[in-house]
Amino acid sequence: MWWTNGCSDWSEKEFKKRLRVSKDTFEIILGKIEEFIVKTPTNLNQNPIETDRQLALTLYRLGHGWRPSKISYQKACTSREDE
């Protein structure tokens, strides 16, 4: 899963603070929507974003408001500024 690369040290509290859901709820949501949001590689995009990252970014955006300069996978996954 995406939190194993940079977010594995998040406690349940940190995870919930950033994404506004527990890890268990995240997995349940992902299981229900994954087949609908999976992207296949194309000639233009050979490495599409994984479904768990799509969900994480969406939850982060919904939970924290959205400004294009504010959102990135790195920010959602590695920032410690908001602790």
C-alpha atoms as a PDB file:
ATOM      1  CA  MET A   1       0.000   0.000   0.000  1.00  0.00           C
ATOM      2  CA  TRP A   2       1.013   3.603  -0.496  1.00  0.00           C
ATOM      3  CA  TRP A   3       1.769   4.304   3.167  1.00  0.00           C
ATOM      4  CA  THR A   4       4.530   1.689   3.167  1.00  0.00           C
ATOM      5  CA  ASN A   5       6.635   4.117   1.096  1.00  0.00           C
ATOM      6  CA  GLY A   6       7.055   7.125   3.325  1.00  0.00           C
ATOM      7  CA  CYS A   7       3.967   6.899   5.497  1.00  0.00           C
ATOM      8  CA  SER A   8       4.514   3.608   7.273  1.00  0.00           C
ATOM      9  CA  ASP A   9       5.440   5.419  10.452  1.00  0.00           C
ATOM     10  CA  TRP A  10       2.062   7.171  10.645  1.00  0.00           C
ATOM     11  CA  SER A  11       0.135   6.249  13.733  1.00  0.00           C
ATOM     12  CA  GLU A  12      -3.605   5.706  13.445  1.00  0.00           C
ATOM     13  CA  LYS A  13      -4.044   9.231  14.838  1.00  0.00           C
ATOM     14  CA  GLU A  14      -1.730  10.772  12.215  1.00  0.00           C
ATOM     15  CA  PHE A  15      -3.415   8.832   9.414  1.00  0.00           C
ATOM     16  CA  LYS A  16      -6.857   9.968  10.521  1.00  0.00           C
ATOM     17  CA  LYS A  17      -5.694  13.564  10.935  1.00  0.00           C
ATOM     18  CA  ARG A  18      -4.363  13.700   7.380  1.00  0.00           C
ATOM     19  CA  LEU A  19      -6.977  11.670   5.512  1.00  0.00           C
ATOM     20  CA  ARG A  20      -9.930  12.053   7.911  1.00  0.00           C
ATOM     21  CA  VAL A  21     -10.578   8.287   7.987  1.00  0.00           C
ATOM     22  CA  SER A  22      -9.033   5.356   9.824  1.00  0.00           C
ATOM     23  CA  LYS A  23      -6.749   2.917   8.012  1.00  0.00           C
ATOM     24  CA  ASP A  24      -9.490   0.272   8.189  1.00  0.00           C
ATOM     25  CA  THR A  25     -12.076   2.634   6.686  1.00  0.00           C
ATOM     26  CA  PHE A  26      -9.601   3.604   3.961  1.00  0.00           C
ATOM     27  CA  GLU A  27      -9.211  -0.073   3.029  1.00  0.00           C
ATOM     28  CA  ILE A  28     -12.986  -0.601   2.988  1.00  0.00           C
ATOM     29  CA  ILE A  29     -13.550   2.414   0.732  1.00  0.00           C
ATOM     30  CA  LEU A  30     -10.710   1.340  -1.556  1.00  0.00           C
ATOM     31  CA  GLY A  31     -12.141  -2.161  -1.825  1.00  0.00           C
ATOM     32  CA  LYS A  32     -15.514  -0.779  -2.874  1.00  0.00           C
ATOM     33  CA  ILE A  33     -14.269   1.673  -5.519  1.00  0.00           C
ATOM     34  CA  GLU A  34     -10.992   0.238  -6.768  1.00  0.00           C
ATOM     35  CA  GLU A  35     -12.425  -1.521  -9.818  1.00  0.00           C
ATOM     36  CA  PHE A  36     -14.001   1.763 -10.947  1.00  0.00           C
ATOM     37  CA  ILE A  37     -10.936   3.982 -10.608  1.00  0.00           C
ATOM     38  CA  VAL A  38      -8.128   1.702 -11.787  1.00  0.00           C
ATOM     39  CA  LYS A  39      -6.181   3.210 -14.662  1.00  0.00           C
ATOM     40  CA  THR A  40      -4.414   1.213 -17.335  1.00  0.00           C
ATOM     41  CA  PRO A  41      -1.121   2.286 -18.878  1.00  0.00           C
ATOM     42  CA  THR A  42      -1.312   4.086 -22.213  1.00  0.00           C
ATOM     43  CA  ASN A  43       1.264   5.341 -24.680  1.00  0.00           C
ATOM     44  CA  LEU A  44       0.996   8.804 -23.119  1.00  0.00           C
ATOM     45  CA  ASN A  45       0.944   7.660 -19.501  1.00  0.00           C
ATOM     46  CA  GLN A  46       2.829   4.424 -18.960  1.00  0.00           C
ATOM     47  CA  ASN A  47       2.799   4.720 -15.160  1.00  0.00           C
ATOM     48  CA  PRO A  48      -0.691   5.794 -14.084  1.00  0.00           C
ATOM     49  CA  ILE A  49      -1.298   6.701 -10.451  1.00  0.00           C
ATOM     50  CA  GLU A  50      -2.231   3.749  -8.279  1.00  0.00           C
ATOM     51  CA  THR A  51      -5.762   3.479  -6.916  1.00  0.00           C
ATOM     52  CA  ASP A  52      -4.685   3.823  -3.289  1.00  0.00           C
ATOM     53  CA  ARG A  53      -2.854   7.065  -4.099  1.00  0.00           C
ATOM     54  CA  GLN A  54      -5.887   8.374  -5.990  1.00  0.00           C
ATOM     55  CA  LEU A  55      -8.074   7.739  -2.966  1.00  0.00           C
ATOM     56  CA  ALA A  56      -5.534   9.207  -0.541  1.00  0.00           C
ATOM     57  CA  LEU A  57      -5.223  12.412  -2.560  1.00  0.00           C
ATOM     58  CA  THR A  58      -8.991  12.692  -2.885  1.00  0.00           C
ATOM     59  CA  LEU A  59      -9.541  12.252   0.837  1.00  0.00           C
ATOM     60  CA  TYR A  60      -6.782  14.720   1.622  1.00  0.00           C
ATOM     61  CA  ARG A  61      -8.300  17.296  -0.732  1.00  0.00           C
ATOM     62  CA  LEU A  62     -11.780  16.803   0.683  1.00  0.00           C
ATOM     63  CA  GLY A  63     -10.529  16.974   4.249  1.00  0.00           C
ATOM     64  CA  HIS A  64      -8.278  19.993   3.934  1.00  0.00           C
ATOM     65  CA  GLY A  65      -9.709  22.122   1.160  1.00  0.00           C
ATOM     66  CA  TRP A  66      -8.127  22.445  -2.217  1.00  0.00           C
ATOM     67  CA  ARG A  67      -5.623  24.844  -3.678  1.00  0.00           C
ATOM     68  CA  PRO A  68      -3.531  23.611  -6.617  1.00  0.00           C
ATOM     69  CA  SER A  69      -0.309  24.773  -4.967  1.00  0.00           C
ATOM     70  CA  LYS A  70      -1.192  22.948  -1.739  1.00  0.00           C
ATOM     71  CA  ILE A  71      -1.838  19.452  -3.032  1.00  0.00           C
ATOM     72  CA  SER A  72       0.692  16.877  -4.066  1.00  0.00           C
ATOM     73  CA  TYR A  73       1.174  13.251  -3.233  1.00  0.00           C
ATOM     74  CA  GLN A  74       4.341  14.135  -1.370  1.00  0.00           C
ATOM     75  CA  LYS A  75       2.514  16.708   0.768  1.00  0.00           C
ATOM     76  CA  ALA A  76      -0.346  14.324   1.551  1.00  0.00           C
ATOM     77  CA  CYS A  77       1.989  11.485   2.366  1.00  0.00           C
ATOM     78  CA  THR A  78       5.044  12.999   3.992  1.00  0.00           C
ATOM     79  CA  SER A  79       4.222  16.393   5.513  1.00  0.00           C
ATOM     80  CA  ARG A  80       4.691  16.754   9.227  1.00  0.00           C
ATOM     81  CA  GLU A  81       3.897  20.473   9.303  1.00  0.00           C
ATOM     82  CA  ASP A  82       0.319  19.890  10.404  1.00  0.00           C
ATOM     83  CA  GLU A  83       1.136  17.790  13.475  1.00  0.00           C
END
